[in-house]
PDB file of N, CA and C in Angstrom:
ATOM      1  N   LYS A   1      22.331  64.708  28.429  1.00  0.00           N
ATOM      2  CA  LYS A   1      22.363  64.816  26.700  1.00  0.00           C
ATOM      3  C   LYS A   1      22.903  64.169  25.983  1.00  0.00           C
ATOM      4  N   MET A   2      24.028  63.207  27.109  1.00  0.00           N
ATOM      5  CA  MET A   2      24.607  61.743  26.038  1.00  0.00           C
ATOM      6  C   MET A   2      22.966  60.991  25.687  1.00  0.00           C
ATOM      7  N   ILE A   3      22.586  60.492  26.884  1.00  0.00           N
ATOM      8  CA  ILE A   3      21.474  59.747  26.990  1.00  0.00           C
ATOM      9  C   ILE A   3      20.455  60.370  26.260  1.00  0.00           C
ATOM     10  N   THR A   4      20.417  60.873  25.615  1.00  0.00           N
ATOM     11  CA  THR A   4      19.265  61.629  24.862  1.00  0.00           C
ATOM     12  C   THR A   4      19.656  61.376  23.852  1.00  0.00           C
ATOM     13  N   ASP A   5      20.526  61.484  23.126  1.00  0.00           N
ATOM     14  CA  ASP A   5      21.506  61.198  21.915  1.00  0.00           C
ATOM     15  C   ASP A   5      21.294  58.906  21.715  1.00  0.00           C
ATOM     16  N   LEU A   6      21.423  59.048  23.291  1.00  0.00           N
ATOM     17  CA  LEU A   6      21.473  56.958  22.798  1.00  0.00           C
ATOM     18  C   LEU A   6      20.214  56.873  23.057  1.00  0.00           C
ATOM     19  N   GLU A   7      19.143  56.988  23.240  1.00  0.00           N
ATOM     20  CA  GLU A   7      17.973  56.816  23.024  1.00  0.00           C
ATOM     21  C   GLU A   7      16.935  57.171  21.532  1.00  0.00           C
ATOM     22  N   ARG A   8      17.464  58.578  21.099  1.00  0.00           N
ATOM     23  CA  ARG A   8      17.471  58.325  19.382  1.00  0.00           C
ATOM     24  C   ARG A   8      18.144  57.931  18.551  1.00  0.00           C
ATOM     25  N   ILE A   9      19.342  57.272  19.154  1.00  0.00           N
ATOM     26  CA  ILE A   9      20.387  56.171  18.349  1.00  0.00           C
ATOM     27  C   ILE A   9      18.888  54.709  18.469  1.00  0.00           C
ATOM     28  N   GLY A  10      18.620  54.114  19.493  1.00  0.00           N
ATOM     29  CA  GLY A  10      17.450  53.074  19.880  1.00  0.00           C
ATOM     30  C   GLY A  10      16.453  53.372  19.112  1.00  0.00           C
ATOM     31  N   ASP A  11      15.845  55.019  18.649  1.00  0.00           N
ATOM     32  CA  ASP A  11      14.336  54.469  17.840  1.00  0.00           C
ATOM     33  C   ASP A  11      14.926  54.851  16.867  1.00  0.00           C
ATOM     34  N   GLN A  12      16.034  54.945  16.085  1.00  0.00           N
ATOM     35  CA  GLN A  12      16.445  55.308  14.971  1.00  0.00           C
ATOM     36  C   GLN A  12      16.494  53.441  14.337  1.00  0.00           C
ATOM     37  N   ALA A  13      17.161  52.908  15.207  1.00  0.00           N
ATOM     38  CA  ALA A  13      17.642  51.508  14.958  1.00  0.00           C
ATOM     39  C   ALA A  13      16.315  50.704  14.958  1.00  0.00           C
ATOM     40  N   GLU A  14      15.338  50.998  15.917  1.00  0.00           N
ATOM     41  CA  GLU A  14      13.966  50.352  16.041  1.00  0.00           C
ATOM     42  C   GLU A  14      13.119  50.564  14.318  1.00  0.00           C
ATOM     43  N   ASP A  15      13.155  51.963  13.861  1.00  0.00           N
ATOM     44  CA  ASP A  15      12.343  52.572  12.467  1.00  0.00           C
ATOM     45  C   ASP A  15      13.507  51.163  11.505  1.00  0.00           C
ATOM     46  N   ILE A  16      14.644  51.140  11.578  1.00  0.00           N
ATOM     47  CA  ILE A  16      15.577  50.446  10.422  1.00  0.00           C
ATOM     48  C   ILE A  16      15.292  49.170  10.656  1.00  0.00           C
ATOM     49  N   ALA A  17      14.806  48.210  11.982  1.00  0.00           N
ATOM     50  CA  ALA A  17      14.699  47.317  11.898  1.00  0.00           C
ATOM     51  C   ALA A  17      13.119  46.722  11.611  1.00  0.00           C
ATOM     52  N   GLU A  18      12.358  47.858  11.717  1.00  0.00           N
ATOM     53  CA  GLU A  18      10.951  47.980  11.108  1.00  0.00           C
ATOM     54  C   GLU A  18      10.783  47.289   9.483  1.00  0.00           C
ATOM     55  N   ILE A  19      11.670  48.526   8.994  1.00  0.00           N
ATOM     56  CA  ILE A  19      11.512  47.982   7.221  1.00  0.00           C
ATOM     57  C   ILE A  19      12.357  47.060   6.706  1.00  0.00           C
ATOM     58  N   VAL A  20      13.311  46.515   7.445  1.00  0.00           N
ATOM     59  CA  VAL A  20      13.793  45.551   7.029  1.00  0.00           C
ATOM     60  C   VAL A  20      13.232  44.029   7.459  1.00  0.00           C
ATOM     61  N   ILE A  21      12.641  43.715   8.752  1.00  0.00           N
ATOM     62  CA  ILE A  21      11.457  42.914   9.112  1.00  0.00           C
ATOM     63  C   ILE A  21      10.096  42.854   7.995  1.00  0.00           C
ATOM     64  N   SER A  22      10.313  44.024   7.280  1.00  0.00           N
ATOM     65  CA  SER A  22       8.760  44.190   6.118  1.00  0.00           C
ATOM     66  C   SER A  22       9.728  43.233   5.013  1.00  0.00           C
ATOM     67  N   GLY A  23      10.552  42.858   4.737  1.00  0.00           N
ATOM     68  CA  GLY A  23      10.941  41.795   4.320  1.00  0.00           C
ATOM     69  C   GLY A  23      11.508  42.596   2.709  1.00  0.00           C
ATOM     70  N   GLN A  24      11.272  44.016   2.665  1.00  0.00           N
ATOM     71  CA  GLN A  24      11.626  44.812   1.276  1.00  0.00           C
ATOM     72  C   GLN A  24      13.037  45.218   1.040  1.00  0.00           C
ATOM     73  N   VAL A  25      14.017  44.841   2.126  1.00  0.00           N
ATOM     74  CA  VAL A  25      15.142  45.189   1.905  1.00  0.00           C
ATOM     75  C   VAL A  25      15.457  43.961   1.157  1.00  0.00           C
ATOM     76  N   ASN A  26      16.990  43.678   0.239  1.00  0.00           N
ATOM     77  CA  ASN A  26      17.933  43.301  -0.168  1.00  0.00           C
ATOM     78  C   ASN A  26      18.938  43.414   0.754  1.00  0.00           C
ATOM     79  N   GLU A  27      19.541  42.178   0.797  1.00  0.00           N
ATOM     80  CA  GLU A  27      20.809  42.147   1.767  1.00  0.00           C
ATOM     81  C   GLU A  27      22.156  42.726   0.550  1.00  0.00           C
ATOM     82  N   GLY A  28      22.254  42.317  -0.182  1.00  0.00           N
ATOM     83  CA  GLY A  28      22.722  42.961  -1.400  1.00  0.00           C
ATOM     84  C   GLY A  28      22.967  44.617  -1.777  1.00  0.00           C
ATOM     85  N   GLU A  29      22.804  45.251  -0.583  1.00  0.00           N
ATOM     86  CA  GLU A  29      22.929  46.913  -0.553  1.00  0.00           C
ATOM     87  C   GLU A  29      23.995  47.189   0.073  1.00  0.00           C
ATOM     88  N   GLU A  30      25.123  46.750  -0.649  1.00  0.00           N
ATOM     89  CA  GLU A  30      26.766  47.120  -0.084  1.00  0.00           C
ATOM     90  C   GLU A  30      27.347  48.450   0.728  1.00  0.00           C
ATOM     91  N   LEU A  31      26.043  49.493   0.134  1.00  0.00           N
ATOM     92  CA  LEU A  31      26.381  51.037   0.929  1.00  0.00           C
ATOM     93  C   LEU A  31      26.373  51.364   2.342  1.00  0.00           C
ATOM     94  N   LEU A  32      24.928  50.319   2.233  1.00  0.00           N
ATOM     95  CA  LEU A  32      23.929  50.465   3.729  1.00  0.00           C
ATOM     96  C   LEU A  32      24.504  49.802   4.432  1.00  0.00           C
ATOM     97  N   ARG A  33      25.784  48.462   4.384  1.00  0.00           N
ATOM     98  CA  ARG A  33      26.304  47.589   4.876  1.00  0.00           C
ATOM     99  C   ARG A  33      27.116  48.722   5.626  1.00  0.00           C
ATOM    100  N   ASP A  34      27.883  49.157   4.536  1.00  0.00           N
ATOM    101  CA  ASP A  34      29.041  49.927   5.146  1.00  0.00           C
ATOM    102  C   ASP A  34      28.620  50.968   6.337  1.00  0.00           C
ATOM    103  N   MET A  35      27.761  51.684   5.515  1.00  0.00           N
ATOM    104  CA  MET A  35      27.247  52.401   6.455  1.00  0.00           C
ATOM    105  C   MET A  35      26.687  52.037   8.007  1.00  0.00           C
ATOM    106  N   ALA A  36      26.211  50.963   7.700  1.00  0.00           N
ATOM    107  CA  ALA A  36      25.671  49.964   9.234  1.00  0.00           C
ATOM    108  C   ALA A  36      27.066  50.073  10.151  1.00  0.00           C
ATOM    109  N   ALA A  37      28.271  49.565   9.293  1.00  0.00           N
ATOM    110  CA  ALA A  37      29.447  49.061   9.998  1.00  0.00           C
ATOM    111  C   ALA A  37      30.241  50.286  10.615  1.00  0.00           C
ATOM    112  N   SER A  38      29.869  51.382   9.930  1.00  0.00           N
ATOM    113  CA  SER A  38      30.282  52.559  10.593  1.00  0.00           C
ATOM    114  C   SER A  38      29.720  53.218  11.954  1.00  0.00           C
ATOM    115  N   THR A  39      28.313  53.070  11.581  1.00  0.00           N
ATOM    116  CA  THR A  39      27.721  53.763  12.073  1.00  0.00           C
ATOM    117  C   THR A  39      27.701  52.802  13.938  1.00  0.00           C
ATOM    118  N   ILE A  40      27.748  51.384  13.600  1.00  0.00           N
ATOM    119  CA  ILE A  40      27.978  50.185  14.610  1.00  0.00           C
ATOM    120  C   ILE A  40      29.664  51.233  15.186  1.00  0.00           C
ATOM    121  N   LYS A  41      30.218  51.247  14.679  1.00  0.00           N
ATOM    122  CA  LYS A  41      31.619  51.409  14.981  1.00  0.00           C
ATOM    123  C   LYS A  41      31.591  53.089  15.867  1.00  0.00           C
ATOM    124  N   MET A  42      30.840  53.957  15.346  1.00  0.00           N
ATOM    125  CA  MET A  42      30.824  55.450  15.763  1.00  0.00           C
ATOM    126  C   MET A  42      30.255  55.292  16.854  1.00  0.00           C
ATOM    127  N   VAL A  43      29.255  54.601  17.325  1.00  0.00           N
ATOM    128  CA  VAL A  43      27.865  54.526  18.643  1.00  0.00           C
ATOM    129  C   VAL A  43      29.132  53.512  19.330  1.00  0.00           C
ATOM    130  N   THR A  44      29.327  52.875  19.459  1.00  0.00           N
ATOM    131  CA  THR A  44      30.309  51.705  20.530  1.00  0.00           C
ATOM    132  C   THR A  44      31.602  52.527  20.797  1.00  0.00           C
ATOM    133  N   GLU A  45      32.634  53.587  19.757  1.00  0.00           N
ATOM    134  CA  GLU A  45      33.016  54.079  19.978  1.00  0.00           C
ATOM    135  C   GLU A  45      33.336  55.195  21.275  1.00  0.00           C
ATOM    136  N   SER A  46      32.263  55.955  21.171  1.00  0.00           N
ATOM    137  CA  SER A  46      32.006  56.624  21.705  1.00  0.00           C
ATOM    138  C   SER A  46      31.191  56.601  22.946  1.00  0.00           C
ATOM    139  N   VAL A  47      30.687  55.503  23.268  1.00  0.00           N
ATOM    140  CA  VAL A  47      30.670  55.222  24.187  1.00  0.00           C
ATOM    141  C   VAL A  47      31.787  54.563  24.990  1.00  0.00           C
ATOM    142  N   ASP A  48      32.446  54.079  24.624  1.00  0.00           N
ATOM    143  CA  ASP A  48      34.075  54.006  25.074  1.00  0.00           C
ATOM    144  C   ASP A  48      34.550  55.002  25.172  1.00  0.00           C
ATOM    145  N   ALA A  49      34.838  55.773  24.513  1.00  0.00           N
ATOM    146  CA  ALA A  49      35.417  57.139  24.560  1.00  0.00           C
ATOM    147  C   ALA A  49      34.959  57.696  25.863  1.00  0.00           C
ATOM    148  N   TYR A  50      33.759  57.790  26.270  1.00  0.00           N
ATOM    149  CA  TYR A  50      32.790  58.466  27.576  1.00  0.00           C
ATOM    150  C   TYR A  50      33.663  57.506  28.885  1.00  0.00           C
ATOM    151  N   VAL A  51      33.641  55.892  28.810  1.00  0.00           N
ATOM    152  CA  VAL A  51      34.189  55.431  29.782  1.00  0.00           C
ATOM    153  C   VAL A  51      35.551  55.536  29.826  1.00  0.00           C
ATOM    154  N   GLN A  52      36.003  55.620  29.248  1.00  0.00           N
ATOM    155  CA  GLN A  52      37.500  55.776  29.285  1.00  0.00           C
ATOM    156  C   GLN A  52      37.974  57.227  29.541  1.00  0.00           C
ATOM    157  N   ARG A  53      37.278  58.542  29.184  1.00  0.00           N
ATOM    158  CA  ARG A  53      37.588  59.511  29.211  1.00  0.00           C
ATOM    159  C   ARG A  53      38.842  59.864  28.393  1.00  0.00           C
ATOM    160  N   ASP A  54      38.658  59.477  27.270  1.00  0.00           N
ATOM    161  CA  ASP A  54      39.299  59.223  26.002  1.00  0.00           C
ATOM    162  C   ASP A  54      39.178  60.427  24.513  1.00  0.00           C
ATOM    163  N   THR A  55      39.936  61.302  24.641  1.00  0.00           N
ATOM    164  CA  THR A  55      39.361  62.568  24.193  1.00  0.00           C
ATOM    165  C   THR A  55      39.991  62.399  22.417  1.00  0.00           C
ATOM    166  N   MET A  56      41.151  61.631  22.225  1.00  0.00           N
ATOM    167  CA  MET A  56      41.020  60.879  20.944  1.00  0.00           C
ATOM    168  C   MET A  56      40.600  60.203  20.044  1.00  0.00           C
ATOM    169  N   LEU A  57      39.953  58.961  21.114  1.00  0.00           N
ATOM    170  CA  LEU A  57      38.538  58.493  20.213  1.00  0.00           C
ATOM    171  C   LEU A  57      37.455  59.313  20.566  1.00  0.00           C
ATOM    172  N   ALA A  58      37.510  59.983  20.723  1.00  0.00           N
ATOM    173  CA  ALA A  58      36.307  60.764  20.263  1.00  0.00           C
ATOM    174  C   ALA A  58      36.386  61.609  19.203  1.00  0.00           C
ATOM    175  N   GLU A  59      37.476  62.242  18.938  1.00  0.00           N
ATOM    176  CA  GLU A  59      37.439  62.899  17.471  1.00  0.00           C
ATOM    177  C   GLU A  59      37.636  62.273  16.767  1.00  0.00           C
ATOM    178  N   THR A  60      38.301  60.823  16.508  1.00  0.00           N
ATOM    179  CA  THR A  60      38.247  60.131  16.200  1.00  0.00           C
ATOM    180  C   THR A  60      36.505  59.619  14.977  1.00  0.00           C
ATOM    181  N   VAL A  61      36.139  59.567  16.868  1.00  0.00           N
ATOM    182  CA  VAL A  61      34.026  59.724  16.299  1.00  0.00           C
ATOM    183  C   VAL A  61      34.203  60.951  15.083  1.00  0.00           C
ATOM    184  N   ILE A  62      34.105  61.888  15.514  1.00  0.00           N
ATOM    185  CA  ILE A  62      33.913  62.898  14.603  1.00  0.00           C
ATOM    186  C   ILE A  62      34.167  62.810  13.306  1.00  0.00           C
ATOM    187  N   ALA A  63      35.350  62.083  13.398  1.00  0.00           N
ATOM    188  CA  ALA A  63      36.259  62.745  12.036  1.00  0.00           C
ATOM    189  C   ALA A  63      35.429  61.240  11.093  1.00  0.00           C
ATOM    190  N   GLU A  64      34.961  60.632  11.472  1.00  0.00           N
ATOM    191  CA  GLU A  64      34.029  59.202  11.224  1.00  0.00           C
ATOM    192  C   GLU A  64      32.540  59.498  10.002  1.00  0.00           C
ATOM    193  N   ASP A  65      32.096  60.279  11.288  1.00  0.00           N
ATOM    194  CA  ASP A  65      30.655  61.209  10.110  1.00  0.00           C
ATOM    195  C   ASP A  65      31.246  61.809   8.946  1.00  0.00           C
ATOM    196  N   ASP A  66      32.078  62.191   8.675  1.00  0.00           N
ATOM    197  CA  ASP A  66      32.531  62.024   7.220  1.00  0.00           C
ATOM    198  C   ASP A  66      32.076  61.524   6.185  1.00  0.00           C
ATOM    199  N   VAL A  67      32.580  60.084   6.609  1.00  0.00           N
ATOM    200  CA  VAL A  67      32.917  58.890   6.045  1.00  0.00           C
ATOM    201  C   VAL A  67      30.987  58.743   5.393  1.00  0.00           C
ATOM    202  N   VAL A  68      30.252  58.474   6.911  1.00  0.00           N
ATOM    203  CA  VAL A  68      28.866  58.138   7.234  1.00  0.00           C
ATOM    204  C   VAL A  68      28.066  59.296   5.980  1.00  0.00           C
ATOM    205  N   ASP A  69      28.417  60.305   6.212  1.00  0.00           N
ATOM    206  CA  ASP A  69      27.522  61.759   5.546  1.00  0.00           C
ATOM    207  C   ASP A  69      27.894  61.697   3.634  1.00  0.00           C
ATOM    208  N   ASN A  70      29.066  61.327   3.653  1.00  0.00           N
ATOM    209  CA  ASN A  70      29.155  60.845   2.161  1.00  0.00           C
ATOM    210  C   ASN A  70      29.050  59.420   1.674  1.00  0.00           C
ATOM    211  N   ALA A  71      28.735  58.933   2.645  1.00  0.00           N
ATOM    212  CA  ALA A  71      27.949  57.480   1.929  1.00  0.00           C
ATOM    213  C   ALA A  71      27.038  57.691   2.191  1.00  0.00           C
ATOM    214  N   PHE A  72      25.983  58.391   2.978  1.00  0.00           N
ATOM    215  CA  PHE A  72      24.221  58.775   2.746  1.00  0.00           C
ATOM    216  C   PHE A  72      24.165  59.428   1.040  1.00  0.00           C
ATOM    217  N   ASP A  73      25.461  60.395   0.874  1.00  0.00           N
ATOM    218  CA  ASP A  73      25.200  61.371  -0.536  1.00  0.00           C
ATOM    219  C   ASP A  73      25.447  59.790  -1.407  1.00  0.00           C
ATOM    220  N   GLU A  74      26.198  59.575  -1.458  1.00  0.00           N
ATOM    221  CA  GLU A  74      25.747  58.388  -2.402  1.00  0.00           C
ATOM    222  C   GLU A  74      24.691  57.843  -2.399  1.00  0.00           C
ATOM    223  N   VAL A  75      24.423  56.542  -1.606  1.00  0.00           N
ATOM    224  CA  VAL A  75      23.224  55.930  -1.360  1.00  0.00           C
ATOM    225  C   VAL A  75      22.007  57.135  -2.215  1.00  0.00           C
ATOM    226  N   LYS A  76      21.758  58.323  -1.654  1.00  0.00           N
ATOM    227  CA  LYS A  76      21.059  58.973  -2.684  1.00  0.00           C
ATOM    228  C   LYS A  76      21.334  59.148  -3.548  1.00  0.00           C
ATOM    229  N   ARG A  77      22.411  59.706  -4.234  1.00  0.00           N
ATOM    230  CA  ARG A  77      22.577  59.922  -5.259  1.00  0.00           C
ATOM    231  C   ARG A  77      22.655  58.406  -6.686  1.00  0.00           C
ATOM    232  N   ARG A  78      22.527  57.374  -5.799  1.00  0.00           N
ATOM    233  CA  ARG A  78      22.416  55.871  -6.122  1.00  0.00           C
ATOM    234  C   ARG A  78      21.243  55.830  -6.592  1.00  0.00           C
ATOM    235  N   LEU A  79      20.038  56.113  -5.361  1.00  0.00           N
ATOM    236  CA  LEU A  79      18.881  55.891  -5.068  1.00  0.00           C
ATOM    237  C   LEU A  79      17.348  56.596  -6.618  1.00  0.00           C
ATOM    238  N   ILE A  80      18.313  57.768  -6.416  1.00  0.00           N
ATOM    239  CA  ILE A  80      17.752  58.578  -7.979  1.00  0.00           C
ATOM    240  C   ILE A  80      17.761  57.781  -9.190  1.00  0.00           C
ATOM    241  N   ASP A  81      18.823  57.564  -9.553  1.00  0.00           N
ATOM    242  CA  ASP A  81      19.636  56.909 -10.696  1.00  0.00           C
ATOM    243  C   ASP A  81      18.521  55.949 -10.385  1.00  0.00           C
ATOM    244  N   LYS A  82      18.398  54.883  -9.667  1.00  0.00           N
ATOM    245  CA  LYS A  82      17.672  53.646 -10.192  1.00  0.00           C
ATOM    246  C   LYS A  82      15.911  54.290  -9.974  1.00  0.00           C
ATOM    247  N   ILE A  83      15.683  55.260  -9.277  1.00  0.00           N
ATOM    248  CA  ILE A  83      13.922  55.155  -9.323  1.00  0.00           C
ATOM    249  C   ILE A  83      13.761  56.027 -10.653  1.00  0.00           C
ATOM    250  N   ALA A  84      14.695  56.776 -11.113  1.00  0.00           N
ATOM    251  CA  ALA A  84      14.073  57.242 -12.719  1.00  0.00           C
ATOM    252  C   ALA A  84      14.441  55.983 -13.570  1.00  0.00           C
ATOM    253  N   ALA A  85      15.735  55.108 -13.624  1.00  0.00           N
ATOM    254  CA  ALA A  85      15.054  54.213 -14.462  1.00  0.00           C
ATOM    255  C   ALA A  85      14.621  52.958 -14.450  1.00  0.00           C
ATOM    256  N   HIS A  86      13.947  52.643 -13.060  1.00  0.00           N
ATOM    257  CA  HIS A  86      13.008  51.552 -12.507  1.00  0.00           C
ATOM    258  C   HIS A  86      11.491  52.819 -11.997  1.00  0.00           C
ATOM    259  N   PRO A  87      11.214  53.245 -12.740  1.00  0.00           N
ATOM    260  CA  PRO A  87       9.967  53.848 -11.518  1.00  0.00           C
ATOM    261  C   PRO A  87       9.381  52.911 -10.669  1.00  0.00           C
ATOM    262  N   GLU A  88       9.029  51.655 -11.430  1.00  0.00           N
ATOM    263  CA  GLU A  88       8.410  50.238 -10.638  1.00  0.00           C
ATOM    264  C   GLU A  88       9.068  50.421  -8.915  1.00  0.00           C
ATOM    265  N   ASP A  89      10.001  50.038  -8.990  1.00  0.00           N
ATOM    266  CA  ASP A  89      11.220  49.970  -7.740  1.00  0.00           C
ATOM    267  C   ASP A  89      10.908  51.526  -6.956  1.00  0.00           C
ATOM    268  N   GLY A  90      10.171  52.520  -6.981  1.00  0.00           N
ATOM    269  CA  GLY A  90      10.125  53.819  -6.399  1.00  0.00           C
ATOM    270  C   GLY A  90       9.974  53.752  -4.357  1.00  0.00           C
ATOM    271  N   GLU A  91       9.352  52.181  -4.323  1.00  0.00           N
ATOM    272  CA  GLU A  91       8.679  51.794  -2.879  1.00  0.00           C
ATOM    273  C   GLU A  91       9.739  52.026  -2.243  1.00  0.00           C
ATOM    274  N   TYR A  92      10.839  51.047  -2.769  1.00  0.00           N
ATOM    275  CA  TYR A  92      11.629  49.930  -2.521  1.00  0.00           C
ATOM    276  C   TYR A  92      12.969  50.960  -2.381  1.00  0.00           C
ATOM    277  N   ALA A  93      13.371  51.927  -3.397  1.00  0.00           N
ATOM    278  CA  ALA A  93      14.078  52.871  -2.977  1.00  0.00           C
ATOM    279  C   ALA A  93      14.258  53.790  -2.161  1.00  0.00           C
ATOM    280  N   LEU A  94      12.874  54.391  -2.033  1.00  0.00           N
ATOM    281  CA  LEU A  94      12.577  55.070  -0.608  1.00  0.00           C
ATOM    282  C   LEU A  94      12.753  54.432   0.842  1.00  0.00           C
ATOM    283  N   ASP A  95      12.394  53.199   1.206  1.00  0.00           N
ATOM    284  CA  ASP A  95      12.520  52.177   1.984  1.00  0.00           C
ATOM    285  C   ASP A  95      14.292  52.939   2.564  1.00  0.00           C
ATOM    286  N   LEU A  96      14.990  52.359   0.978  1.00  0.00           N
ATOM    287  CA  LEU A  96      16.739  52.656   1.142  1.00  0.00           C
ATOM    288  C   LEU A  96      16.845  53.347   1.574  1.00  0.00           C
ATOM    289  N   LEU A  97      16.565  54.444   1.239  1.00  0.00           N
ATOM    290  CA  LEU A  97      16.670  56.177   1.406  1.00  0.00           C
ATOM    291  C   LEU A  97      16.451  56.157   2.796  1.00  0.00           C
ATOM    292  N   MET A  98      15.129  55.799   3.672  1.00  0.00           N
ATOM    293  CA  MET A  98      14.880  56.179   4.523  1.00  0.00           C
ATOM    294  C   MET A  98      15.880  55.251   5.397  1.00  0.00           C
ATOM    295  N   ILE A  99      16.327  54.398   5.403  1.00  0.00           N
ATOM    296  CA  ILE A  99      17.042  53.097   5.906  1.00  0.00           C
ATOM    297  C   ILE A  99      18.767  54.560   6.108  1.00  0.00           C
ATOM    298  N   ALA A 100      19.302  54.711   4.775  1.00  0.00           N
ATOM    299  CA  ALA A 100      20.000  55.578   4.587  1.00  0.00           C
ATOM    300  C   ALA A 100      20.434  56.760   5.507  1.00  0.00           C
ATOM    301  N   LYS A 101      18.939  57.196   5.777  1.00  0.00           N
ATOM    302  CA  LYS A 101      19.207  58.582   6.669  1.00  0.00           C
ATOM    303  C   LYS A 101      19.052  58.263   8.064  1.00  0.00           C
ATOM    304  N   TYR A 102      18.460  57.131   8.038  1.00  0.00           N
ATOM    305  CA  TYR A 102      18.498  56.788   9.786  1.00  0.00           C
ATOM    306  C   TYR A 102      19.981  56.739  10.514  1.00  0.00           C
ATOM    307  N   PHE A 103      20.631  56.079   9.223  1.00  0.00           N
ATOM    308  CA  PHE A 103      22.272  55.658   9.446  1.00  0.00           C
ATOM    309  C   PHE A 103      22.922  56.990   9.525  1.00  0.00           C
ATOM    310  N   GLU A 104      22.471  57.545   8.633  1.00  0.00           N
ATOM    311  CA  GLU A 104      23.204  58.958   8.954  1.00  0.00           C
ATOM    312  C   GLU A 104      22.800  59.867   9.715  1.00  0.00           C
ATOM    313  N   ARG A 105      21.825  59.532  10.989  1.00  0.00           N
ATOM    314  CA  ARG A 105      21.169  60.611  11.975  1.00  0.00           C
ATOM    315  C   ARG A 105      22.177  59.718  13.241  1.00  0.00           C
ATOM    316  N   ILE A 106      21.407  58.181  13.063  1.00  0.00           N
ATOM    317  CA  ILE A 106      22.784  57.766  14.083  1.00  0.00           C
ATOM    318  C   ILE A 106      24.005  57.851  14.525  1.00  0.00           C
ATOM    319  N   GLY A 107      24.936  58.470  13.053  1.00  0.00           N
ATOM    320  CA  GLY A 107      26.098  58.832  12.967  1.00  0.00           C
ATOM    321  C   GLY A 107      26.288  60.668  13.814  1.00  0.00           C
ATOM    322  N   ASP A 108      25.459  61.477  13.712  1.00  0.00           N
ATOM    323  CA  ASP A 108      25.170  62.057  14.304  1.00  0.00           C
ATOM    324  C   ASP A 108      24.872  62.792  15.778  1.00  0.00           C
ATOM    325  N   HIS A 109      24.291  61.630  15.925  1.00  0.00           N
ATOM    326  CA  HIS A 109      23.457  60.944  17.230  1.00  0.00           C
ATOM    327  C   HIS A 109      25.297  60.713  18.111  1.00  0.00           C
ATOM    328  N   ALA A 110      25.886  59.815  17.099  1.00  0.00           N
ATOM    329  CA  ALA A 110      27.189  59.288  18.094  1.00  0.00           C
ATOM    330  C   ALA A 110      28.304  60.568  18.614  1.00  0.00           C
ATOM    331  N   THR A 111      28.396  61.749  16.892  1.00  0.00           N
ATOM    332  CA  THR A 111      29.015  62.715  17.090  1.00  0.00           C
ATOM    333  C   THR A 111      28.771  63.478  17.973  1.00  0.00           C
ATOM    334  N   ASN A 112      27.466  63.491  18.174  1.00  0.00           N
ATOM    335  CA  ASN A 112      27.109  64.577  19.585  1.00  0.00           C
ATOM    336  C   ASN A 112      27.651  63.513  21.009  1.00  0.00           C
ATOM    337  N   ILE A 113      27.421  62.855  21.061  1.00  0.00           N
ATOM    338  CA  ILE A 113      28.278  61.647  22.178  1.00  0.00           C
ATOM    339  C   ILE A 113      29.686  62.043  22.314  1.00  0.00           C
ATOM    340  N   ALA A 114      30.113  62.236  21.119  1.00  0.00           N
ATOM    341  CA  ALA A 114      31.601  62.113  21.501  1.00  0.00           C
ATOM    342  C   ALA A 114      32.273  63.780  21.782  1.00  0.00           C
ATOM    343  N   GLU A 115      31.596  64.833  20.942  1.00  0.00           N
ATOM    344  CA  GLU A 115      31.867  66.146  21.641  1.00  0.00           C
ATOM    345  C   GLU A 115      31.036  66.267  23.005  1.00  0.00           C
ATOM    346  N   TRP A 116      30.304  65.582  23.573  1.00  0.00           N
ATOM    347  CA  TRP A 116      29.687  65.767  25.057  1.00  0.00           C
ATOM    348  C   TRP A 116      31.201  65.089  25.967  1.00  0.00           C
ATOM    349  N   VAL A 117      31.569  64.017  25.725  1.00  0.00           N
ATOM    350  CA  VAL A 117      32.768  63.365  26.247  1.00  0.00           C
ATOM    351  C   VAL A 117      34.047  64.176  25.665  1.00  0.00           C
ATOM    352  N   ILE A 118      34.473  65.191  24.917  1.00  0.00           N
ATOM    353  CA  ILE A 118      35.457  66.197  24.803  1.00  0.00           C
ATOM    354  C   ILE A 118      35.012  67.180  25.656  1.00  0.00           C
ATOM    355  N   PHE A 119      33.321  68.019  26.301  1.00  0.00           N
ATOM    356  CA  PHE A 119      33.196  68.632  27.182  1.00  0.00           C
ATOM    357  C   PHE A 119      33.360  68.178  28.366  1.00  0.00           C
ATOM    358  N   SER A 120      33.024  66.817  28.691  1.00  0.00           N
ATOM    359  CA  SER A 120      32.966  66.353  29.737  1.00  0.00           C
ATOM    360  C   SER A 120      34.635  66.353  30.643  1.00  0.00           C
ATOM    361  N   VAL A 121      35.239  65.771  29.384  1.00  0.00           N
ATOM    362  CA  VAL A 121      36.977  65.928  30.197  1.00  0.00           C
ATOM    363  C   VAL A 121      37.788  67.462  30.115  1.00  0.00           C
ATOM    364  N   THR A 122      37.718  67.923  28.881  1.00  0.00           N
ATOM    365  CA  THR A 122      38.064  69.783  28.543  1.00  0.00           C
ATOM    366  C   THR A 122      37.771  70.819  29.198  1.00  0.00           C
ATOM    367  N   GLY A 123      36.200  70.809  29.108  1.00  0.00           N
ATOM    368  CA  GLY A 123      35.333  71.524  29.590  1.00  0.00           C
ATOM    369  C   GLY A 123      34.727  72.566  28.651  1.00  0.00           C
ATOM    370  N   VAL A 124      35.558  72.302  26.904  1.00  0.00           N
ATOM    371  CA  VAL A 124      35.292  72.878  26.138  1.00  0.00           C
ATOM    372  C   VAL A 124      34.353  71.912  25.059  1.00  0.00           C
ATOM    373  N   HIS A 125      33.176  72.640  24.555  1.00  0.00           N
ATOM    374  CA  HIS A 125      32.175  72.276  24.365  1.00  0.00           C
ATOM    375  C   HIS A 125      32.343  71.986  22.333  1.00  0.00           C
ATOM    376  N   LYS A 126      32.827  71.248  21.634  1.00  0.00           N
ATOM    377  CA  LYS A 126      32.889  71.654  20.121  1.00  0.00           C
ATOM    378  C   LYS A 126      31.338  71.552  20.006  1.00  0.00           C
ATOM    379  N   GLU A 127      31.349  72.759  19.064  1.00  0.00           N
ATOM    380  CA  GLU A 127      29.891  72.766  18.005  1.00  0.00           C
ATOM    381  C   GLU A 127      30.375  72.160  17.026  1.00  0.00           C
ATOM    382  N   GLY A 128      29.580  71.402  16.591  1.00  0.00           N
ATOM    383  CA  GLY A 128      29.444  70.620  14.787  1.00  0.00           C
ATOM    384  C   GLY A 128      29.562  71.732  13.892  1.00  0.00           C
TER     385      GLY A 128
END
């Protein structure tokens, strides 16, 4: 099950790269950078938790998902405002929203991995 989540993370990272490579995304989008850093940390720590059989680290990953979810909500709110103020930038805003959603999903997959780590150690599956 964890391999499936890792595969999905790779698929979503590829989708982000396709949008970024298209040259449309401005590097100045701070919230997206923060989401990227959080999700990278979550994925790394979920794999580390598996290797080390560390349930506390897995719990840290699960808690970090709230940070990513809140950032996604904020990005969405800001992009709605941006589209309302500058409809001509709608396509750009939608690209940013797609990237934010991919990061949010990557966070969810890292959370799934962390939950399976806890299960593999304790025998109890924590359902989100």
